[in-house]
Amino acid sequence: MQIPPPDAGTFDPAAPFRLAATAVRRAWPRMLAFFVVVMGLAFVGLAFAPREYGSEAKLFVRVGRESIGLDPTATTGQTFSLQESRKTEINSVLDVITTREVFERVADRVGPEVILEQGGWSPADPIFGLLAAATGGDGGDADPQREALEEREKAVRVLFRAFDVSSAEESSVIDVTCRADSPELARTLLTEFLGAFQSVYLEMFRSGSFEFFEEQVALLGERHDAAGERLRDAKDAIEATTVEGRRTALQHQLEQTDDRLLLALAERDAKTAERTALREAIAALLTGDETAGAGAAVASGSADDAADALRKQVDGLRLREQELLASYTERHPDVAAVRDRLAAAETLLAAARGPGDASAVSTNPTLQGLHLRALEEQAAGEALDRRIQTIKTQREELLADLKDLNAREAEIERLQRETDLLAAKYGEYSERLEQARMNRELADGRITNVKVAQPPTLVFKPVSPNKPLVAILAFLLASGGAVALGLLSVLPSPAAKEETVNDGANADEDPVAFEPEPAVEANGRRPTGRPAFAGAAAGDGTVDLPR
């Protein structure tokens, strides 16, 4: 078929397809061999590649005491509000679960030798081996302790590569996966990993506050007891439970004492006036005054009647004394007054029985009665004097007690404040101690807000290598490589391009030299298998393309 040659700037859409068909037609054996070799290597690699098994667990982070609670020591001083979101809490748990401490505890629990047996080969191992050999690190005199630390470090690095921790956005669930050479080992490593994480997480909230508060509570208890004893001694000194109560009682007693003193003073004045009148009457009788008749009317009866009256008075005062002692103490003013009157009456009774003025007693009963009356009033006056003195003494004692109470008031109030403050602190620290004890018990019971929602699984299906993925990648690599190999076999090499350029330059100088000879087969067609650009140009400027 003869078509006009395309222009230099014109693109032929069918040219790439013709080129690909030509490449397949010419290099299909090599392309097929490459495809088969690549796919074969891929299947052989899948057959002999080491298997890795996975174990998966899920952790649920709920709102617990770690989220909304405070350490007991956080409330012993000035506090302020702090708002944290759930996202912050989840990120904190993720940071804790991937700490090196967790992996080191897993390595210590499982054993570095078990982990390194399943750790596989790392590209860095040969490099570290060469460096160790060059520096003499693997000499025969190596330190066993250092070798153990190096083995532990390698095991920790293997664990870092074996575990994967992630959490979805806006979710309270954390996914933890582990890969190992066997499903049993994968589950064992993941179980130990979760246990190590819970231990580290619990230790974060065990700040030793229980021991601190236990010591503080004991110290505050001792201080409170000592302050209570001092306060009790101070109250015993004032003989009262409270200062105000004692002051009120003293003021009431002082008022009563003042009233009794006023009454006693008035009664003494009256008794003094009565004694004066009796002395005047006795004097008038002795001098024979005209007023003797009036004085005789004051007293009547005989001497025996007067003595009987005194005896009755003495008996009555004794009964009164017994009645008062049944209700009051011996220091009571009423008891003292009765005793004074009793003593005066007994004195009068003894005087009436003793020797006296015989003429006055025997010849003038009126004078005798006045005399006895005067003696009674004298005794009553002396009793009143002693009573007034006793009341004054009691008043002075009350005033002294009131002054002493006022002096002790500041000390008692200070001791009361100290005792109340220590009692409040003791109660507060006891509450914090109980909270710390609960935290310790919860930690010992491994109770946290992070709960294992899904225990580590035991899956016997390997997760690596991924056969479908490897097959797809091998197919793409084999197909792409085969196509590239075919195209490379068809496209001219750079040397051939340079020779073509040189031949074109020579053709410009001698057109005849580069005129192609027509090669016609017996059936009148050009031989197939030559490229389309190798056809001879016809006389009319057309190019003969292969059919």
Protein backbone atom coordinates (compact mmCIF):
# COMPACT_ATOMS: atom_id res chain seq x y z
CA MET A 1 0.00 0.00 0.00
CA GLN A 2 1.38 3.35 -1.00
CA ILE A 3 0.61 6.30 1.37
CA PRO A 4 2.09 9.71 1.35
CA PRO A 5 4.86 10.22 3.90
CA PRO A 6 3.68 12.07 7.00
CA ASP A 7 4.89 15.52 7.68
CA ALA A 8 7.61 16.03 10.29
CA GLY A 9 5.24 17.63 12.84
CA THR A 10 2.32 15.22 12.38
CA PHE A 11 1.63 12.50 15.04
CA ASP A 12 0.41 9.13 13.87
CA PRO A 13 -1.93 7.56 16.52
CA ALA A 14 -1.50 4.08 15.12
CA ALA A 15 2.29 4.14 15.22
CA PRO A 16 2.68 3.04 18.90
CA PHE A 17 0.37 0.10 18.37
CA ARG A 18 2.23 -0.96 15.23
CA LEU A 19 5.49 -0.60 17.15
CA ALA A 20 4.17 -2.75 20.01
CA ALA A 21 2.90 -5.37 17.60
CA THR A 22 6.25 -5.43 15.90
CA ALA A 23 7.99 -5.79 19.31
CA VAL A 24 5.75 -8.71 20.29
CA ARG A 25 6.21 -10.34 16.91
CA ARG A 26 9.97 -10.06 17.06
CA ALA A 27 10.77 -10.57 20.85
CA TRP A 28 7.89 -12.67 22.17
CA PRO A 29 10.14 -15.57 23.20
CA ARG A 30 12.28 -13.32 25.37
CA MET A 31 9.25 -11.48 26.78
CA LEU A 32 7.54 -14.76 27.68
CA ALA A 33 10.69 -16.10 29.28
CA PHE A 34 11.07 -12.93 31.39
CA PHE A 35 7.44 -13.07 32.51
CA VAL A 36 7.69 -16.74 33.47
CA VAL A 37 10.95 -16.25 35.35
CA VAL A 38 9.64 -13.28 37.37
CA MET A 39 6.39 -15.02 38.26
CA GLY A 40 8.28 -18.19 39.11
CA LEU A 41 10.63 -16.32 41.42
CA ALA A 42 7.66 -14.63 43.06
CA PHE A 43 5.90 -17.96 43.72
CA VAL A 44 9.12 -19.54 44.96
CA GLY A 45 9.61 -16.59 47.31
CA LEU A 46 6.05 -16.98 48.58
CA ALA A 47 6.62 -20.69 49.12
CA PHE A 48 9.86 -20.32 51.10
CA ALA A 49 9.41 -16.90 52.71
CA PRO A 50 9.15 -16.96 56.55
CA ARG A 51 5.62 -16.62 57.85
CA GLU A 52 4.57 -13.99 60.35
CA TYR A 53 1.48 -14.42 62.49
CA GLY A 54 -0.43 -11.63 64.12
CA SER A 55 -2.33 -11.18 67.37
CA GLU A 56 -4.72 -8.32 68.01
CA ALA A 57 -6.15 -6.78 71.17
CA LYS A 58 -8.37 -3.77 71.84
CA LEU A 59 -8.28 -1.43 74.82
CA PHE A 60 -11.23 0.70 75.88
CA VAL A 61 -10.41 3.95 77.67
CA ARG A 62 -13.39 4.87 79.80
CA VAL A 63 -13.94 7.85 82.06
CA GLY A 64 -12.58 6.82 85.44
CA ARG A 65 -10.81 8.13 88.50
CA GLU A 66 -7.68 8.76 86.42
CA SER A 67 -9.72 11.10 84.19
CA ILE A 68 -11.67 13.16 86.71
CA GLY A 69 -9.87 12.43 89.98
CA LEU A 70 -6.94 14.16 91.60
CA ASP A 71 -4.10 12.80 93.57
CA PRO A 72 -4.71 13.35 97.31
CA THR A 73 -1.63 15.56 97.51
CA ALA A 74 -3.05 17.87 94.82
CA THR A 75 -5.64 19.32 97.22
CA THR A 76 -3.34 20.07 100.15
CA GLY A 77 -2.46 23.51 98.78
CA GLN A 78 -3.86 26.12 96.43
CA THR A 79 -5.69 24.57 93.47
CA PHE A 80 -7.07 25.77 90.14
CA SER A 81 -9.43 24.31 87.58
CA LEU A 82 -7.98 22.33 84.68
CA GLN A 83 -10.02 21.16 81.69
CA GLU A 84 -8.78 18.25 79.59
CA SER A 85 -10.52 16.75 76.60
CA ARG A 86 -11.02 13.09 75.85
CA LYS A 87 -8.65 13.40 72.90
CA THR A 88 -5.91 14.55 75.23
CA GLU A 89 -6.56 11.58 77.49
CA ILE A 90 -6.46 9.10 74.57
CA ASN A 91 -3.22 10.63 73.30
CA SER A 92 -1.74 10.36 76.79
CA VAL A 93 -2.61 6.68 76.95
CA LEU A 94 -1.08 6.16 73.49
CA ASP A 95 2.11 7.89 74.61
CA VAL A 96 2.33 5.72 77.71
CA ILE A 97 1.64 2.46 75.89
CA THR A 98 4.50 3.09 73.44
CA THR A 99 7.11 4.08 75.99
CA ARG A 100 10.41 2.26 76.10
CA GLU A 101 9.75 1.15 79.66
CA VAL A 102 6.88 -1.05 78.46
CA PHE A 103 9.02 -2.77 75.81
CA GLU A 104 11.88 -3.26 78.26
CA ARG A 105 9.56 -4.99 80.71
CA VAL A 106 8.26 -7.25 77.94
CA ALA A 107 11.85 -8.13 77.01
CA ASP A 108 12.65 -8.93 80.64
CA ARG A 109 9.53 -11.06 81.11
CA VAL A 110 9.75 -13.07 77.89
CA GLY A 111 13.54 -13.15 77.56
CA PRO A 112 15.79 -11.55 74.93
CA GLU A 113 16.79 -14.93 73.50
CA VAL A 114 13.17 -15.84 72.71
CA ILE A 115 12.52 -12.49 71.07
CA LEU A 116 15.73 -12.49 69.03
CA GLU A 117 15.03 -16.00 67.69
CA GLN A 118 11.89 -14.71 66.06
CA GLY A 119 13.15 -11.20 65.32
CA GLY A 120 14.35 -12.02 61.81
CA TRP A 121 17.12 -10.45 59.83
CA SER A 122 17.60 -6.71 59.76
CA PRO A 123 19.57 -4.82 57.08
CA ALA A 124 21.49 -3.11 59.84
CA ASP A 125 22.74 -6.36 61.37
CA PRO A 126 25.60 -6.91 58.88
CA ILE A 127 26.66 -3.30 59.27
CA PHE A 128 26.73 -3.57 63.06
CA GLY A 129 28.55 -6.88 62.74
CA LEU A 130 31.26 -5.36 60.55
CA LEU A 131 31.63 -2.39 62.89
CA ALA A 132 31.90 -4.70 65.88
CA ALA A 133 34.52 -6.83 64.12
CA ALA A 134 36.51 -3.74 63.11
CA THR A 135 36.48 -2.29 66.61
CA GLY A 136 37.06 -5.60 68.36
CA GLY A 137 33.65 -5.55 70.00
CA ASP A 138 33.16 -9.31 69.62
CA GLY A 139 36.41 -10.31 71.24
CA GLY A 140 36.69 -13.32 73.45
CA ASP A 141 37.18 -11.19 76.58
CA ALA A 142 33.86 -9.35 76.26
CA ASP A 143 31.99 -8.42 79.42
CA PRO A 144 29.03 -10.82 79.97
CA GLN A 145 26.99 -8.09 81.58
CA ARG A 146 27.53 -5.82 78.62
CA GLU A 147 26.64 -8.61 76.21
CA ALA A 148 23.41 -9.19 78.15
CA LEU A 149 22.59 -5.50 77.89
CA GLU A 150 23.29 -5.53 74.16
CA GLU A 151 21.05 -8.57 73.71
CA ARG A 152 18.35 -6.82 75.67
CA GLU A 153 18.72 -3.71 73.53
CA LYS A 154 18.38 -5.77 70.35
CA ALA A 155 15.28 -7.45 71.74
CA VAL A 156 13.76 -4.06 72.53
CA ARG A 157 14.39 -2.89 68.95
CA VAL A 158 12.76 -6.05 67.61
CA LEU A 159 9.73 -5.42 69.83
CA PHE A 160 9.47 -1.86 68.58
CA ARG A 161 9.16 -3.21 65.04
CA ALA A 162 6.79 -6.04 66.03
CA PHE A 163 4.10 -3.91 67.72
CA ASP A 164 1.68 -1.44 66.19
CA VAL A 165 -0.56 0.82 68.30
CA SER A 166 -3.24 3.03 66.77
CA SER A 167 -6.56 4.66 67.56
CA ALA A 168 -9.28 5.92 65.26
CA GLU A 169 -10.35 9.53 65.31
CA GLU A 170 -13.10 10.34 67.83
CA SER A 171 -12.86 6.86 69.33
CA SER A 172 -12.13 5.59 72.82
CA VAL A 173 -10.78 2.24 71.58
CA ILE A 174 -7.06 1.60 71.03
CA ASP A 175 -5.96 -1.17 68.66
CA VAL A 176 -2.77 -3.06 69.54
CA THR A 177 -1.29 -5.64 67.16
CA CYS A 178 1.79 -7.83 67.40
CA ARG A 179 3.63 -9.93 64.79
CA ALA A 180 5.77 -12.97 65.51
CA ASP A 181 7.01 -16.18 63.92
CA SER A 182 4.24 -18.25 65.52
CA PRO A 183 0.68 -17.48 66.60
CA GLU A 184 1.39 -18.67 70.13
CA LEU A 185 4.40 -16.38 70.48
CA ALA A 186 2.45 -13.44 69.06
CA ARG A 187 -0.30 -13.89 71.62
CA THR A 188 2.23 -14.36 74.43
CA LEU A 189 4.10 -11.20 73.51
CA LEU A 190 0.89 -9.20 73.27
CA THR A 191 -0.36 -10.55 76.62
CA GLU A 192 2.90 -9.58 78.32
CA PHE A 193 2.79 -6.24 76.56
CA LEU A 194 -0.65 -5.44 77.95
CA GLY A 195 0.43 -6.56 81.42
CA ALA A 196 3.54 -4.37 81.30
CA PHE A 197 1.49 -1.41 80.11
CA GLN A 198 -1.01 -1.79 82.92
CA SER A 199 1.83 -1.97 85.45
CA VAL A 200 3.43 1.21 84.11
CA TYR A 201 0.06 2.94 83.87
CA LEU A 202 -0.80 2.06 87.46
CA GLU A 203 2.59 3.21 88.73
CA MET A 204 1.89 6.61 87.22
CA PHE A 205 -0.91 7.13 89.73
CA ARG A 206 0.91 5.57 92.69
CA SER A 207 2.83 8.58 93.96
CA GLY A 208 3.52 7.29 97.48
CA SER A 209 0.85 9.57 98.94
CA PHE A 210 -0.46 6.83 101.26
CA GLU A 211 2.76 6.69 103.26
CA PHE A 212 2.91 10.49 103.34
CA PHE A 213 -0.62 10.91 104.64
CA GLU A 214 -0.21 8.04 107.09
CA GLU A 215 2.77 9.81 108.62
CA GLN A 216 0.99 13.17 108.63
CA VAL A 217 -2.15 11.77 110.25
CA ALA A 218 -0.10 10.18 113.04
CA LEU A 219 1.80 13.44 113.59
CA LEU A 220 -1.38 15.52 113.62
CA GLY A 221 -2.99 13.06 116.02
CA GLU A 222 -0.14 13.48 118.48
CA ARG A 223 -0.23 17.27 118.19
CA HIS A 224 -4.01 17.31 118.62
CA ASP A 225 -3.82 15.15 121.74
CA ALA A 226 -1.11 17.36 123.24
CA ALA A 227 -3.10 20.53 122.51
CA GLY A 228 -6.22 18.90 123.95
CA GLU A 229 -4.38 18.08 127.18
CA ARG A 230 -3.13 21.64 127.52
CA LEU A 231 -6.64 22.98 126.88
CA ARG A 232 -8.09 20.56 129.42
CA ASP A 233 -5.57 21.64 132.06
CA ALA A 234 -6.39 25.28 131.39
CA LYS A 235 -10.12 24.61 131.76
CA ASP A 236 -9.52 22.62 134.93
CA ALA A 237 -7.69 25.61 136.36
CA ILE A 238 -10.78 27.80 135.91
CA GLU A 239 -13.11 24.95 136.92
CA ALA A 240 -15.30 25.36 133.82
CA THR A 241 -15.74 23.95 130.36
CA THR A 242 -15.94 27.32 128.61
CA VAL A 243 -14.70 30.80 129.42
CA GLU A 244 -18.06 32.41 128.76
CA GLY A 245 -19.86 29.92 130.98
CA ARG A 246 -17.41 30.46 133.78
CA ARG A 247 -17.64 34.26 133.42
CA THR A 248 -21.42 34.12 133.50
CA ALA A 249 -21.38 31.99 136.64
CA LEU A 250 -18.89 34.30 138.37
CA GLN A 251 -20.90 37.37 137.48
CA HIS A 252 -24.07 35.76 138.80
CA GLN A 253 -22.37 34.77 142.05
CA LEU A 254 -20.89 38.25 142.38
CA GLU A 255 -24.32 39.83 141.97
CA GLN A 256 -25.78 37.49 144.61
CA THR A 257 -22.90 38.27 146.95
CA ASP A 258 -23.45 42.00 146.56
CA ASP A 259 -27.15 41.57 147.30
CA ARG A 260 -26.46 39.49 150.41
CA LEU A 261 -23.84 42.00 151.54
CA LEU A 262 -26.30 44.86 151.25
CA LEU A 263 -28.95 42.92 153.16
CA ALA A 264 -26.44 41.96 155.86
CA LEU A 265 -25.31 45.54 156.25
CA ALA A 266 -28.91 46.76 156.58
CA GLU A 267 -29.69 44.01 159.10
CA ARG A 268 -26.58 44.93 161.11
CA ASP A 269 -27.69 48.53 161.26
CA ALA A 270 -31.09 47.42 162.52
CA LYS A 271 -29.54 45.12 165.13
CA THR A 272 -27.24 47.90 166.24
CA ALA A 273 -30.19 50.22 166.77
CA GLU A 274 -32.07 47.51 168.69
CA ARG A 275 -29.08 46.84 170.96
CA THR A 276 -28.82 50.53 171.68
CA ALA A 277 -32.47 50.66 172.71
CA LEU A 278 -32.03 47.61 174.95
CA ARG A 279 -29.00 49.12 176.66
CA GLU A 280 -30.92 52.31 177.30
CA ALA A 281 -33.86 50.36 178.78
CA ILE A 282 -31.55 48.35 181.05
CA ALA A 283 -29.84 51.52 182.16
CA ALA A 284 -33.18 53.11 183.01
CA LEU A 285 -34.24 50.11 185.09
CA LEU A 286 -30.99 50.11 187.00
CA THR A 287 -31.29 53.85 187.80
CA GLY A 288 -34.98 53.70 188.65
CA ASP A 289 -36.12 55.88 185.78
CA GLU A 290 -39.79 56.50 185.17
CA THR A 291 -39.51 54.66 181.90
CA ALA A 292 -38.96 51.42 183.73
CA GLY A 293 -42.58 50.48 183.33
CA ALA A 294 -42.27 50.69 179.62
CA GLY A 295 -39.08 48.68 179.79
CA ALA A 296 -40.79 46.10 181.94
CA ALA A 297 -43.41 45.68 179.34
CA VAL A 298 -40.71 44.75 176.83
CA ALA A 299 -39.86 41.52 178.60
CA SER A 300 -41.97 39.27 180.75
CA GLY A 301 -41.68 35.87 182.33
CA SER A 302 -39.16 34.17 184.56
CA ALA A 303 -35.51 33.13 184.22
CA ASP A 304 -36.45 29.55 183.47
CA ASP A 305 -38.63 30.71 180.62
CA ALA A 306 -35.69 32.64 179.10
CA ALA A 307 -33.38 29.64 179.41
CA ASP A 308 -35.95 27.41 177.78
CA ALA A 309 -36.30 29.89 174.95
CA LEU A 310 -32.51 29.87 174.42
CA ARG A 311 -32.40 26.08 174.43
CA LYS A 312 -35.20 25.98 171.83
CA GLN A 313 -33.35 28.50 169.72
CA VAL A 314 -30.14 26.44 169.92
CA ASP A 315 -31.99 23.29 168.89
CA GLY A 316 -33.67 25.08 166.02
CA LEU A 317 -30.33 26.46 164.79
CA ARG A 318 -28.75 23.00 164.92
CA LEU A 319 -31.58 21.55 162.85
CA ARG A 320 -31.23 24.41 160.40
CA GLU A 321 -27.48 23.73 160.16
CA GLN A 322 -28.10 20.07 159.30
CA GLU A 323 -30.64 21.01 156.65
CA LEU A 324 -28.24 23.46 155.04
CA LEU A 325 -25.33 20.99 155.09
CA ALA A 326 -27.53 18.48 153.26
CA SER A 327 -27.85 20.98 150.37
CA TYR A 328 -24.70 23.14 150.50
CA THR A 329 -21.06 22.90 151.42
CA GLU A 330 -19.53 24.13 154.66
CA ARG A 331 -18.20 27.23 152.88
CA HIS A 332 -21.66 28.38 151.86
CA PRO A 333 -22.61 31.77 153.35
CA ASP A 334 -25.93 30.52 154.78
CA VAL A 335 -24.18 27.68 156.58
CA ALA A 336 -21.62 30.08 158.02
CA ALA A 337 -24.35 32.48 159.20
CA VAL A 338 -26.32 29.73 160.96
CA ARG A 339 -23.18 28.47 162.66
CA ASP A 340 -22.40 31.99 163.84
CA ARG A 341 -25.87 32.40 165.29
CA LEU A 342 -25.63 28.93 166.85
CA ALA A 343 -22.35 29.82 168.51
CA ALA A 344 -23.83 33.07 169.84
CA ALA A 345 -26.92 31.31 171.19
CA GLU A 346 -24.81 28.66 172.92
CA THR A 347 -22.75 31.43 174.48
CA LEU A 348 -25.90 33.11 175.79
CA LEU A 349 -27.21 29.83 177.12
CA ALA A 350 -23.98 29.20 179.00
CA ALA A 351 -24.01 32.71 180.38
CA ALA A 352 -27.60 32.31 181.56
CA ARG A 353 -26.60 29.19 183.45
CA GLY A 354 -23.49 30.80 184.94
CA PRO A 355 -23.10 33.19 187.87
CA GLY A 356 -24.39 36.74 187.39
CA ASP A 357 -25.86 39.65 189.24
CA ALA A 358 -27.97 37.82 191.88
CA SER A 359 -29.99 40.82 192.93
CA ALA A 360 -30.90 41.70 189.33
CA VAL A 361 -31.80 38.20 188.40
CA SER A 362 -33.77 37.26 191.41
CA THR A 363 -35.55 40.49 192.24
CA ASN A 364 -36.31 41.98 188.76
CA PRO A 365 -37.52 39.54 186.14
CA THR A 366 -37.99 42.39 183.68
CA LEU A 367 -34.38 43.37 183.95
CA GLN A 368 -33.42 39.74 183.57
CA GLY A 369 -35.45 39.47 180.35
CA LEU A 370 -33.94 42.65 178.94
CA HIS A 371 -30.50 41.43 179.81
CA LEU A 372 -31.10 38.16 178.02
CA ARG A 373 -32.54 40.01 175.07
CA ALA A 374 -29.50 42.26 174.95
CA LEU A 375 -27.22 39.24 175.02
CA GLU A 376 -29.14 37.70 172.13
CA GLU A 377 -28.92 40.85 170.09
CA GLN A 378 -25.24 41.11 170.85
CA ALA A 379 -24.70 37.57 169.68
CA ALA A 380 -26.78 38.23 166.58
CA GLY A 381 -24.76 41.36 165.91
CA GLU A 382 -21.49 39.49 166.20
CA ALA A 383 -22.90 36.82 163.87
CA LEU A 384 -23.86 39.51 161.41
CA ASP A 385 -20.37 40.99 161.57
CA ARG A 386 -18.80 37.62 160.87
CA ARG A 387 -21.36 37.03 158.14
CA ILE A 388 -20.56 40.37 156.52
CA GLN A 389 -16.86 39.60 156.75
CA THR A 390 -17.45 36.22 155.14
CA ILE A 391 -19.49 37.78 152.35
CA LYS A 392 -16.75 40.35 151.74
CA THR A 393 -14.16 37.61 151.65
CA GLN A 394 -16.26 35.65 149.19
CA ARG A 395 -16.70 38.77 147.07
CA GLU A 396 -12.95 39.32 147.00
CA GLU A 397 -12.43 35.69 146.00
CA LEU A 398 -14.98 36.03 143.22
CA LEU A 399 -13.29 39.17 141.97
CA ALA A 400 -9.92 37.40 142.07
CA ASP A 401 -11.37 34.45 140.15
CA LEU A 402 -12.84 36.83 137.59
CA LYS A 403 -9.50 38.60 137.16
CA ASP A 404 -7.71 35.25 136.82
CA LEU A 405 -10.31 34.16 134.26
CA ASN A 406 -9.77 37.31 132.24
CA ALA A 407 -6.03 36.71 132.38
CA ARG A 408 -6.40 33.10 131.24
CA GLU A 409 -8.99 33.87 128.56
CA ALA A 410 -6.44 34.66 125.83
CA GLU A 411 -4.47 31.48 126.55
CA ILE A 412 -7.60 29.34 126.62
CA GLU A 413 -8.87 30.84 123.37
CA ARG A 414 -5.48 30.28 121.73
CA LEU A 415 -5.46 26.66 122.88
CA GLN A 416 -9.05 26.26 121.68
CA ARG A 417 -8.19 27.63 118.24
CA GLU A 418 -5.13 25.42 118.02
CA THR A 419 -7.17 22.38 119.02
CA ASP A 420 -9.95 23.17 116.53
CA LEU A 421 -7.43 23.77 113.73
CA LEU A 422 -5.60 20.54 114.45
CA ALA A 423 -8.91 18.69 114.60
CA ALA A 424 -9.92 20.10 111.19
CA LYS A 425 -6.55 19.21 109.68
CA TYR A 426 -6.70 15.78 111.24
CA GLY A 427 -10.11 15.16 109.68
CA GLU A 428 -8.99 16.46 106.29
CA TYR A 429 -5.79 14.43 106.26
CA SER A 430 -7.68 11.36 107.45
CA GLU A 431 -9.98 11.73 104.45
CA ARG A 432 -6.98 12.10 102.13
CA LEU A 433 -5.42 9.04 103.76
CA GLU A 434 -8.53 7.02 103.04
CA GLN A 435 -8.50 8.23 99.44
CA ALA A 436 -4.84 7.30 99.08
CA ARG A 437 -5.57 3.91 100.60
CA MET A 438 -8.36 3.34 98.09
CA ASN A 439 -6.01 4.32 95.26
CA ARG A 440 -3.43 1.85 96.52
CA GLU A 441 -5.99 -0.93 96.83
CA LEU A 442 -7.28 -0.22 93.32
CA ALA A 443 -3.71 -0.28 92.04
CA ASP A 444 -3.01 -3.56 93.81
CA GLY A 445 -6.18 -4.94 92.27
CA ARG A 446 -5.07 -3.63 88.84
CA ILE A 447 -8.29 -1.65 88.46
CA THR A 448 -7.92 1.26 86.03
CA ASN A 449 -10.00 3.16 83.51
CA VAL A 450 -8.23 1.27 80.68
CA LYS A 451 -10.07 -2.00 80.19
CA VAL A 452 -9.09 -4.83 77.85
CA ALA A 453 -12.11 -4.93 75.56
CA GLN A 454 -10.65 -7.75 73.41
CA PRO A 455 -7.99 -10.11 74.76
CA PRO A 456 -5.05 -11.07 72.51
CA THR A 457 -6.27 -13.31 69.72
CA LEU A 458 -4.76 -16.60 68.53
CA VAL A 459 -4.92 -16.68 64.71
CA PHE A 460 -3.20 -19.45 62.77
CA LYS A 461 -3.49 -17.69 59.41
CA PRO A 462 -0.26 -15.83 58.63
CA VAL A 463 -0.43 -12.12 58.01
CA SER A 464 2.87 -11.99 56.15
CA PRO A 465 3.71 -12.45 53.36
CA ASN A 466 0.50 -11.20 51.76
CA LYS A 467 0.03 -13.65 48.89
CA PRO A 468 -2.52 -11.67 46.85
CA LEU A 469 -0.46 -8.50 47.11
CA VAL A 470 2.78 -10.26 46.21
CA ALA A 471 1.11 -11.97 43.24
CA ILE A 472 -0.30 -8.70 41.95
CA LEU A 473 3.04 -6.92 42.32
CA ALA A 474 4.87 -9.82 40.66
CA PHE A 475 2.39 -9.83 37.77
CA LEU A 476 2.78 -6.08 37.26
CA LEU A 477 6.56 -6.35 37.43
CA ALA A 478 6.67 -9.30 35.00
CA SER A 479 4.28 -7.68 32.55
CA GLY A 480 6.00 -4.32 32.64
CA GLY A 481 9.45 -5.87 32.34
CA ALA A 482 8.40 -8.06 29.41
CA VAL A 483 6.94 -5.07 27.54
CA ALA A 484 10.03 -2.99 28.24
CA LEU A 485 12.24 -5.86 27.01
CA GLY A 486 10.26 -6.12 23.77
CA LEU A 487 10.43 -2.39 23.12
CA LEU A 488 14.14 -2.31 23.78
CA SER A 489 14.62 -5.06 21.20
CA VAL A 490 12.74 -3.06 18.52
CA LEU A 491 13.88 0.50 19.17
CA PRO A 492 17.25 1.36 17.60
CA SER A 493 20.21 1.76 19.86
CA PRO A 494 22.04 5.11 20.14
CA ALA A 495 24.84 3.79 17.89
CA ALA A 496 22.32 2.83 15.24
CA LYS A 497 20.74 6.29 15.50
CA GLU A 498 24.15 7.93 14.95
CA GLU A 499 24.84 5.70 11.90
CA THR A 500 21.44 6.61 10.49
CA VAL A 501 22.20 10.29 10.91
CA ASN A 502 25.53 9.86 9.10
CA ASP A 503 23.85 7.96 6.31
CA GLY A 504 21.30 10.74 5.92
CA ALA A 505 24.06 13.29 5.54
CA ASN A 506 25.71 11.25 2.82
CA ALA A 507 22.39 10.88 1.07
CA ASP A 508 22.06 14.64 0.86
CA GLU A 509 25.35 14.78 -0.99
CA ASP A 510 24.61 11.88 -3.33
CA PRO A 511 20.94 11.11 -3.69
CA VAL A 512 21.51 8.25 -5.97
CA ALA A 513 23.71 6.45 -3.47
CA PHE A 514 20.87 6.15 -1.02
CA GLU A 515 18.12 5.29 -3.42
CA PRO A 516 16.76 1.95 -2.25
CA GLU A 517 16.59 -0.92 -4.62
CA PRO A 518 13.21 -2.39 -5.03
CA ALA A 519 13.04 -5.82 -3.54
CA VAL A 520 10.10 -7.66 -5.02
CA GLU A 521 9.18 -11.18 -4.26
CA ALA A 522 7.79 -13.57 -6.70
CA ASN A 523 4.25 -12.58 -5.87
CA GLY A 524 5.03 -8.90 -6.48
CA ARG A 525 5.09 -7.78 -2.78
CA ARG A 526 7.83 -6.48 -0.57
CA PRO A 527 9.16 -8.95 1.92
CA THR A 528 7.54 -8.69 5.34
CA GLY A 529 9.49 -8.31 8.54
CA ARG A 530 11.20 -5.05 7.56
CA PRO A 531 10.27 -1.90 9.37
CA ALA A 532 7.85 0.50 7.78
CA PHE A 533 10.47 3.22 7.50
CA ALA A 534 12.70 0.94 5.40
CA GLY A 535 10.43 0.97 2.31
CA ALA A 536 11.68 2.47 -0.97
CA ALA A 537 10.30 5.74 -2.11
CA ALA A 538 8.30 5.57 -5.32
CA GLY A 539 8.73 7.91 -8.14
CA ASP A 540 5.67 9.85 -7.12
CA GLY A 541 7.07 10.53 -3.64
CA THR A 542 5.08 7.86 -1.82
CA VAL A 543 6.43 5.33 0.72
CA ASP A 544 5.64 1.65 0.47
CA LEU A 545 4.55 0.49 4.01
CA PRO A 546 4.38 -3.17 4.96
CA ARG A 547 0.99 -4.80 4.80
